Amino acid sequence: MFVHSCAPNCWWGVSVFPQFQMEIRTTVDVQKGDILSIPYTYLFNAFGTHKRQELLQEDGEFVCKCNRCLDPTELNSFCSALMCSSCKTGKVLPLDPLDINSNWKCIDCEKLVKSEQIGVQLDDLMSKLEQCETVSDMEKYIVENQGVTIHRNHWLITEAEDVICKDRARSSWNREEKLTLEDREKHIQYCSHFLSVKDIVAPGISLERCKFQFA
């Protein structure tokens, strides 16, 4: 039985018909005696701790206590951090990342934010992202929120970057759209930023990073 982790050192895949065999590979160098860990499901790894814990506790009926979940900064990736509405520069993080009802606090001005307020803000941000229908909508969403309402590495930002780059890559491959030099530079910036975050939370030859290489 492999241990679950939201920042695993192994990833798994299932081969196609007719074998349907599961294969697990290490994604980074491991030493003798190291605990081998995998994500039990791929669906939640892209999310921040608050959302991951909520879904894991609902579907998996367990509280994940991996090193990523235990750290409010998510290994200094700040994938869940909000920007403080008071001091404008501080990062707002959960006091107890394992508790989905935990209050949050700015690490600079120490302003306390109730869990209910965090929930409302996250729901609003997720709803606005879901309403984006075009690449332009996604780019506008990033400009309006990155470093303003949420940290530049927030999982909602990387989700938007993921969609933008895949859409642009698909359009380019199918010759539906001729990318301008400005579009290509943006594409590179989005890819580079996305991968820099995944280098922390899904290091090595992980699905989170490798699937993006094709974009």
C-alpha atoms as a PDB file:
ATOM      1  CA  MET A   1       0.000   0.000   0.000  1.00  0.00           C
ATOM      2  CA  PHE A   2       1.532   3.292  -1.077  1.00  0.00           C
ATOM      3  CA  VAL A   3       1.187   6.352   1.129  1.00  0.00           C
ATOM      4  CA  HIS A   4      -0.892   9.226  -0.230  1.00  0.00           C
ATOM      5  CA  SER A   5       0.826  12.598  -0.614  1.00  0.00           C
ATOM      6  CA  CYS A   6      -0.168  15.879  -2.260  1.00  0.00           C
ATOM      7  CA  ALA A   7       3.520  16.387  -3.155  1.00  0.00           C
ATOM      8  CA  PRO A   8       4.429  12.782  -4.007  1.00  0.00           C
ATOM      9  CA  ASN A   9       7.746  11.262  -5.054  1.00  0.00           C
ATOM     10  CA  CYS A  10       5.982   8.718  -7.307  1.00  0.00           C
ATOM     11  CA  TRP A  11       3.192   8.880  -9.890  1.00  0.00           C
ATOM     12  CA  TRP A  12       1.052   6.138 -11.356  1.00  0.00           C
ATOM     13  CA  GLY A  13      -0.596   5.313 -14.637  1.00  0.00           C
ATOM     14  CA  VAL A  14      -2.705   2.550 -16.146  1.00  0.00           C
ATOM     15  CA  SER A  15      -1.803   1.051 -19.525  1.00  0.00           C
ATOM     16  CA  VAL A  16      -4.393   0.866 -22.302  1.00  0.00           C
ATOM     17  CA  PHE A  17      -6.325  -2.148 -23.560  1.00  0.00           C
ATOM     18  CA  PRO A  18      -5.807  -5.035 -23.298  1.00  0.00           C
ATOM     19  CA  GLN A  19      -3.335  -5.020 -20.374  1.00  0.00           C
ATOM     20  CA  PHE A  20      -4.854  -2.346 -18.108  1.00  0.00           C
ATOM     21  CA  GLN A  21      -1.819  -2.696 -15.853  1.00  0.00           C
ATOM     22  CA  MET A  22      -0.952  -0.098 -13.247  1.00  0.00           C
ATOM     23  CA  GLU A  23       2.638   1.112 -13.292  1.00  0.00           C
ATOM     24  CA  ILE A  24       4.187   3.304 -10.620  1.00  0.00           C
ATOM     25  CA  ARG A  25       7.440   5.178 -11.166  1.00  0.00           C
ATOM     26  CA  THR A  26       9.522   7.428  -8.971  1.00  0.00           C
ATOM     27  CA  THR A  27       9.557  11.029 -10.174  1.00  0.00           C
ATOM     28  CA  VAL A  28      12.587  12.192  -8.183  1.00  0.00           C
ATOM     29  CA  ASP A  29      15.656  10.512  -6.693  1.00  0.00           C
ATOM     30  CA  VAL A  30      14.768   8.505  -3.601  1.00  0.00           C
ATOM     31  CA  GLN A  31      17.077   6.997  -1.012  1.00  0.00           C
ATOM     32  CA  LYS A  32      16.931   3.616   0.654  1.00  0.00           C
ATOM     33  CA  GLY A  33      14.391   3.776   3.451  1.00  0.00           C
ATOM     34  CA  ASP A  34      12.431   6.706   1.972  1.00  0.00           C
ATOM     35  CA  ILE A  35       8.656   6.385   2.095  1.00  0.00           C
ATOM     36  CA  LEU A  36       7.213   6.037  -1.414  1.00  0.00           C
ATOM     37  CA  SER A  37       4.164   8.216  -1.947  1.00  0.00           C
ATOM     38  CA  ILE A  38       1.599   8.725  -4.698  1.00  0.00           C
ATOM     39  CA  PRO A  39      -1.506  10.860  -5.157  1.00  0.00           C
ATOM     40  CA  TYR A  40      -4.479   8.538  -4.625  1.00  0.00           C
ATOM     41  CA  THR A  41      -6.302  10.600  -7.252  1.00  0.00           C
ATOM     42  CA  TYR A  42      -5.031  13.060  -9.843  1.00  0.00           C
ATOM     43  CA  LEU A  43      -8.153  15.178  -9.581  1.00  0.00           C
ATOM     44  CA  PHE A  44      -7.270  17.135  -6.450  1.00  0.00           C
ATOM     45  CA  ASN A  45      -3.518  17.763  -6.728  1.00  0.00           C
ATOM     46  CA  ALA A  46      -3.890  20.955  -8.742  1.00  0.00           C
ATOM     47  CA  PHE A  47      -6.005  22.535  -5.978  1.00  0.00           C
ATOM     48  CA  GLY A  48      -4.832  24.447  -2.914  1.00  0.00           C
ATOM     49  CA  THR A  49      -4.839  22.812   0.517  1.00  0.00           C
ATOM     50  CA  HIS A  50      -8.229  24.197   1.597  1.00  0.00           C
ATOM     51  CA  LYS A  51      -9.992  22.715  -1.442  1.00  0.00           C
ATOM     52  CA  ARG A  52      -7.924  19.498  -1.394  1.00  0.00           C
ATOM     53  CA  GLN A  53      -8.737  18.816   2.242  1.00  0.00           C
ATOM     54  CA  GLU A  54     -12.411  19.464   1.629  1.00  0.00           C
ATOM     55  CA  LEU A  55     -12.550  17.020  -1.292  1.00  0.00           C
ATOM     56  CA  LEU A  56     -10.293  14.368   0.289  1.00  0.00           C
ATOM     57  CA  GLN A  57     -12.373  14.396   3.464  1.00  0.00           C
ATOM     58  CA  GLU A  58     -15.565  14.093   1.411  1.00  0.00           C
ATOM     59  CA  ASP A  59     -14.470  11.423  -1.069  1.00  0.00           C
ATOM     60  CA  GLY A  60     -11.566   9.693   0.662  1.00  0.00           C
ATOM     61  CA  GLU A  61     -12.836  10.097   4.210  1.00  0.00           C
ATOM     62  CA  PHE A  62      -9.384  10.913   5.583  1.00  0.00           C
ATOM     63  CA  VAL A  63      -7.392  13.985   6.578  1.00  0.00           C
ATOM     64  CA  CYS A  64      -4.191  14.220   4.564  1.00  0.00           C
ATOM     65  CA  LYS A  65      -1.162  15.026   6.721  1.00  0.00           C
ATOM     66  CA  CYS A  66       1.546  15.086   4.065  1.00  0.00           C
ATOM     67  CA  ASN A  67       4.316  17.681   4.249  1.00  0.00           C
ATOM     68  CA  ARG A  68       2.508  19.927   1.779  1.00  0.00           C
ATOM     69  CA  CYS A  69      -0.778  19.880   3.686  1.00  0.00           C
ATOM     70  CA  LEU A  70       0.894  20.450   7.053  1.00  0.00           C
ATOM     71  CA  ASP A  71       2.676  23.569   5.789  1.00  0.00           C
ATOM     72  CA  PRO A  72       0.453  26.695   5.495  1.00  0.00           C
ATOM     73  CA  THR A  73       2.771  27.974   2.722  1.00  0.00           C
ATOM     74  CA  GLU A  74       2.529  24.658   0.817  1.00  0.00           C
ATOM     75  CA  LEU A  75       6.316  24.221   0.740  1.00  0.00           C
ATOM     76  CA  ASN A  76       6.773  27.942   0.025  1.00  0.00           C
ATOM     77  CA  SER A  77       4.731  27.701  -3.153  1.00  0.00           C
ATOM     78  CA  PHE A  78       1.907  29.797  -1.635  1.00  0.00           C
ATOM     79  CA  CYS A  79      -0.600  27.965  -3.854  1.00  0.00           C
ATOM     80  CA  SER A  80      -3.439  28.859  -1.495  1.00  0.00           C
ATOM     81  CA  ALA A  81      -2.329  32.280  -0.276  1.00  0.00           C
ATOM     82  CA  LEU A  82      -4.646  35.256  -0.575  1.00  0.00           C
ATOM     83  CA  MET A  83      -3.458  38.855  -0.632  1.00  0.00           C
ATOM     84  CA  CYS A  84      -4.310  40.935   2.428  1.00  0.00           C
ATOM     85  CA  SER A  85      -7.072  43.495   1.856  1.00  0.00           C
ATOM     86  CA  SER A  86      -5.668  45.694   4.648  1.00  0.00           C
ATOM     87  CA  CYS A  87      -1.922  46.015   4.105  1.00  0.00           C
ATOM     88  CA  LYS A  88      -2.207  44.988   0.410  1.00  0.00           C
ATOM     89  CA  THR A  89       1.186  43.246   0.399  1.00  0.00           C
ATOM     90  CA  GLY A  90       0.881  40.546   3.049  1.00  0.00           C
ATOM     91  CA  LYS A  91       0.021  36.922   2.362  1.00  0.00           C
ATOM     92  CA  VAL A  92      -3.075  35.552   4.110  1.00  0.00           C
ATOM     93  CA  LEU A  93      -2.635  31.917   5.187  1.00  0.00           C
ATOM     94  CA  PRO A  94      -4.656  29.428   7.260  1.00  0.00           C
ATOM     95  CA  LEU A  95      -3.801  29.126  10.943  1.00  0.00           C
ATOM     96  CA  ASP A  96      -4.453  25.370  10.724  1.00  0.00           C
ATOM     97  CA  PRO A  97      -4.249  24.137   7.108  1.00  0.00           C
ATOM     98  CA  LEU A  98      -5.713  20.724   8.042  1.00  0.00           C
ATOM     99  CA  ASP A  99      -8.917  22.324   9.349  1.00  0.00           C
ATOM    100  CA  ILE A 100     -11.203  23.448   6.504  1.00  0.00           C
ATOM    101  CA  ASN A 101     -12.981  25.706   9.028  1.00  0.00           C
ATOM    102  CA  SER A 102      -9.775  27.355  10.246  1.00  0.00           C
ATOM    103  CA  ASN A 103      -9.435  31.121  10.423  1.00  0.00           C
ATOM    104  CA  TRP A 104      -6.706  32.746   8.329  1.00  0.00           C
ATOM    105  CA  LYS A 105      -4.174  35.460   9.158  1.00  0.00           C
ATOM    106  CA  CYS A 106      -1.958  37.891   7.265  1.00  0.00           C
ATOM    107  CA  ILE A 107       1.688  37.081   7.949  1.00  0.00           C
ATOM    108  CA  ASP A 108       2.617  40.793   7.708  1.00  0.00           C
ATOM    109  CA  CYS A 109      -0.026  42.887   9.488  1.00  0.00           C
ATOM    110  CA  GLU A 110      -1.512  39.869  11.343  1.00  0.00           C
ATOM    111  CA  LYS A 111      -5.090  40.740  10.400  1.00  0.00           C
ATOM    112  CA  LEU A 112      -7.384  37.814  11.219  1.00  0.00           C
ATOM    113  CA  VAL A 113      -9.860  36.662   8.584  1.00  0.00           C
ATOM    114  CA  LYS A 114     -12.782  34.408   9.481  1.00  0.00           C
ATOM    115  CA  SER A 115     -13.109  31.080   7.692  1.00  0.00           C
ATOM    116  CA  GLU A 116     -16.570  32.028   6.418  1.00  0.00           C
ATOM    117  CA  GLN A 117     -15.141  35.077   4.668  1.00  0.00           C
ATOM    118  CA  ILE A 118     -12.392  32.965   3.090  1.00  0.00           C
ATOM    119  CA  GLY A 119     -14.981  30.497   1.841  1.00  0.00           C
ATOM    120  CA  VAL A 120     -17.085  33.223   0.247  1.00  0.00           C
ATOM    121  CA  GLN A 121     -14.043  34.799  -1.421  1.00  0.00           C
ATOM    122  CA  LEU A 122     -12.783  31.476  -2.811  1.00  0.00           C
ATOM    123  CA  ASP A 123     -16.235  30.524  -4.105  1.00  0.00           C
ATOM    124  CA  ASP A 124     -16.487  33.899  -5.849  1.00  0.00           C
ATOM    125  CA  LEU A 125     -13.027  33.554  -7.427  1.00  0.00           C
ATOM    126  CA  MET A 126     -13.754  30.002  -8.578  1.00  0.00           C
ATOM    127  CA  SER A 127     -17.093  31.062 -10.029  1.00  0.00           C
ATOM    128  CA  LYS A 128     -15.496  33.918 -11.974  1.00  0.00           C
ATOM    129  CA  LEU A 129     -12.859  31.582 -13.402  1.00  0.00           C
ATOM    130  CA  GLU A 130     -15.529  29.077 -14.468  1.00  0.00           C
ATOM    131  CA  GLN A 131     -17.357  31.877 -16.272  1.00  0.00           C
ATOM    132  CA  CYS A 132     -14.326  32.646 -18.459  1.00  0.00           C
ATOM    133  CA  GLU A 133     -15.133  31.392 -21.959  1.00  0.00           C
ATOM    134  CA  THR A 134     -12.192  32.632 -24.031  1.00  0.00           C
ATOM    135  CA  VAL A 135      -8.421  33.021 -23.733  1.00  0.00           C
ATOM    136  CA  SER A 136      -8.948  36.783 -23.452  1.00  0.00           C
ATOM    137  CA  ASP A 137     -11.312  36.225 -20.515  1.00  0.00           C
ATOM    138  CA  MET A 138      -8.697  34.047 -18.799  1.00  0.00           C
ATOM    139  CA  GLU A 139      -5.937  36.590 -19.354  1.00  0.00           C
ATOM    140  CA  LYS A 140      -8.142  39.343 -17.956  1.00  0.00           C
ATOM    141  CA  TYR A 141      -8.870  37.163 -14.929  1.00  0.00           C
ATOM    142  CA  ILE A 142      -5.128  36.691 -14.316  1.00  0.00           C
ATOM    143  CA  VAL A 143      -4.398  40.431 -14.606  1.00  0.00           C
ATOM    144  CA  GLU A 144      -7.233  41.358 -12.237  1.00  0.00           C
ATOM    145  CA  ASN A 145      -6.369  38.810  -9.550  1.00  0.00           C
ATOM    146  CA  GLN A 146      -2.693  37.781  -9.677  1.00  0.00           C
ATOM    147  CA  GLY A 147      -0.910  39.566  -6.852  1.00  0.00           C
ATOM    148  CA  VAL A 148      -4.060  41.625  -6.190  1.00  0.00           C
ATOM    149  CA  THR A 149      -6.639  39.341  -4.576  1.00  0.00           C
ATOM    150  CA  ILE A 150      -4.603  36.124  -4.614  1.00  0.00           C
ATOM    151  CA  HIS A 151      -0.898  35.263  -4.590  1.00  0.00           C
ATOM    152  CA  ARG A 152       0.793  35.098  -7.992  1.00  0.00           C
ATOM    153  CA  ASN A 153       1.267  31.327  -7.502  1.00  0.00           C
ATOM    154  CA  HIS A 154      -2.308  30.641  -6.407  1.00  0.00           C
ATOM    155  CA  TRP A 155      -3.775  27.451  -7.850  1.00  0.00           C
ATOM    156  CA  LEU A 156      -6.534  29.400  -9.607  1.00  0.00           C
ATOM    157  CA  ILE A 157      -3.860  31.323 -11.519  1.00  0.00           C
ATOM    158  CA  THR A 158      -2.025  28.166 -12.581  1.00  0.00           C
ATOM    159  CA  GLU A 159      -5.339  26.594 -13.599  1.00  0.00           C
ATOM    160  CA  ALA A 160      -6.023  29.601 -15.840  1.00  0.00           C
ATOM    161  CA  GLU A 161      -2.508  29.388 -17.300  1.00  0.00           C
ATOM    162  CA  ASP A 162      -2.982  25.685 -17.964  1.00  0.00           C
ATOM    163  CA  VAL A 163      -6.177  26.284 -19.951  1.00  0.00           C
ATOM    164  CA  ILE A 164      -4.699  29.225 -21.897  1.00  0.00           C
ATOM    165  CA  CYS A 165      -1.587  27.361 -22.993  1.00  0.00           C
ATOM    166  CA  LYS A 166      -3.426  24.192 -23.973  1.00  0.00           C
ATOM    167  CA  ASP A 167      -5.955  26.200 -25.971  1.00  0.00           C
ATOM    168  CA  ARG A 168      -3.259  28.198 -27.756  1.00  0.00           C
ATOM    169  CA  ALA A 169      -1.222  25.071 -28.451  1.00  0.00           C
ATOM    170  CA  ARG A 170      -4.270  23.257 -29.875  1.00  0.00           C
ATOM    171  CA  SER A 171      -5.182  26.234 -32.081  1.00  0.00           C
ATOM    172  CA  SER A 172      -1.604  26.494 -33.328  1.00  0.00           C
ATOM    173  CA  TRP A 173      -1.323  22.774 -34.092  1.00  0.00           C
ATOM    174  CA  ASN A 174      -4.642  22.773 -35.962  1.00  0.00           C
ATOM    175  CA  ARG A 175      -3.662  26.002 -37.714  1.00  0.00           C
ATOM    176  CA  GLU A 176      -6.874  27.618 -36.527  1.00  0.00           C
ATOM    177  CA  GLU A 177      -4.982  30.631 -35.261  1.00  0.00           C
ATOM    178  CA  LYS A 178      -1.653  32.201 -36.157  1.00  0.00           C
ATOM    179  CA  LEU A 179       0.010  33.330 -32.952  1.00  0.00           C
ATOM    180  CA  THR A 180       1.628  36.755 -32.884  1.00  0.00           C
ATOM    181  CA  LEU A 181       5.056  37.275 -31.356  1.00  0.00           C
ATOM    182  CA  GLU A 182       3.351  38.830 -28.321  1.00  0.00           C
ATOM    183  CA  ASP A 183       1.125  35.758 -27.945  1.00  0.00           C
ATOM    184  CA  ARG A 184       4.145  33.454 -28.179  1.00  0.00           C
ATOM    185  CA  GLU A 185       5.999  35.424 -25.504  1.00  0.00           C
ATOM    186  CA  LYS A 186       2.940  35.244 -23.241  1.00  0.00           C
ATOM    187  CA  HIS A 187       2.704  31.522 -23.899  1.00  0.00           C
ATOM    188  CA  ILE A 188       6.315  31.045 -22.790  1.00  0.00           C
ATOM    189  CA  GLN A 189       5.755  33.187 -19.679  1.00  0.00           C
ATOM    190  CA  TYR A 190       2.658  31.224 -18.681  1.00  0.00           C
ATOM    191  CA  CYS A 191       4.397  27.876 -19.255  1.00  0.00           C
ATOM    192  CA  SER A 192       7.490  28.937 -17.316  1.00  0.00           C
ATOM    193  CA  HIS A 193       5.479  30.214 -14.361  1.00  0.00           C
ATOM    194  CA  PHE A 194       3.239  27.142 -14.305  1.00  0.00           C
ATOM    195  CA  LEU A 195       6.235  24.802 -14.298  1.00  0.00           C
ATOM    196  CA  SER A 196       8.041  26.826 -11.603  1.00  0.00           C
ATOM    197  CA  VAL A 197       5.095  26.216  -9.255  1.00  0.00           C
ATOM    198  CA  LYS A 198       4.774  22.538 -10.188  1.00  0.00           C
ATOM    199  CA  ASP A 199       8.524  22.098  -9.589  1.00  0.00           C
ATOM    200  CA  ILE A 200       7.669  22.627  -5.907  1.00  0.00           C
ATOM    201  CA  VAL A 201       4.378  20.775  -5.427  1.00  0.00           C
ATOM    202  CA  ALA A 202       4.754  18.083  -8.128  1.00  0.00           C
ATOM    203  CA  PRO A 203       8.511  17.799  -8.707  1.00  0.00           C
ATOM    204  CA  GLY A 204      10.349  15.650 -11.208  1.00  0.00           C
ATOM    205  CA  ILE A 205       8.740  13.545 -13.920  1.00  0.00           C
ATOM    206  CA  SER A 206       5.218  14.031 -12.610  1.00  0.00           C
ATOM    207  CA  LEU A 207       1.987  14.104 -14.556  1.00  0.00           C
ATOM    208  CA  GLU A 208       1.393  17.698 -13.459  1.00  0.00           C
ATOM    209  CA  ARG A 209       4.621  18.768 -15.178  1.00  0.00           C
ATOM    210  CA  CYS A 210       4.853  16.300 -18.051  1.00  0.00           C
ATOM    211  CA  LYS A 211       1.364  16.822 -19.377  1.00  0.00           C
ATOM    212  CA  PHE A 212       2.218  20.494 -19.705  1.00  0.00           C
ATOM    213  CA  GLN A 213       5.375  19.881 -21.713  1.00  0.00           C
ATOM    214  CA  PHE A 214       3.216  18.983 -24.705  1.00  0.00           C
ATOM    215  CA  ALA A 215       1.616  22.436 -24.643  1.00  0.00           C
END
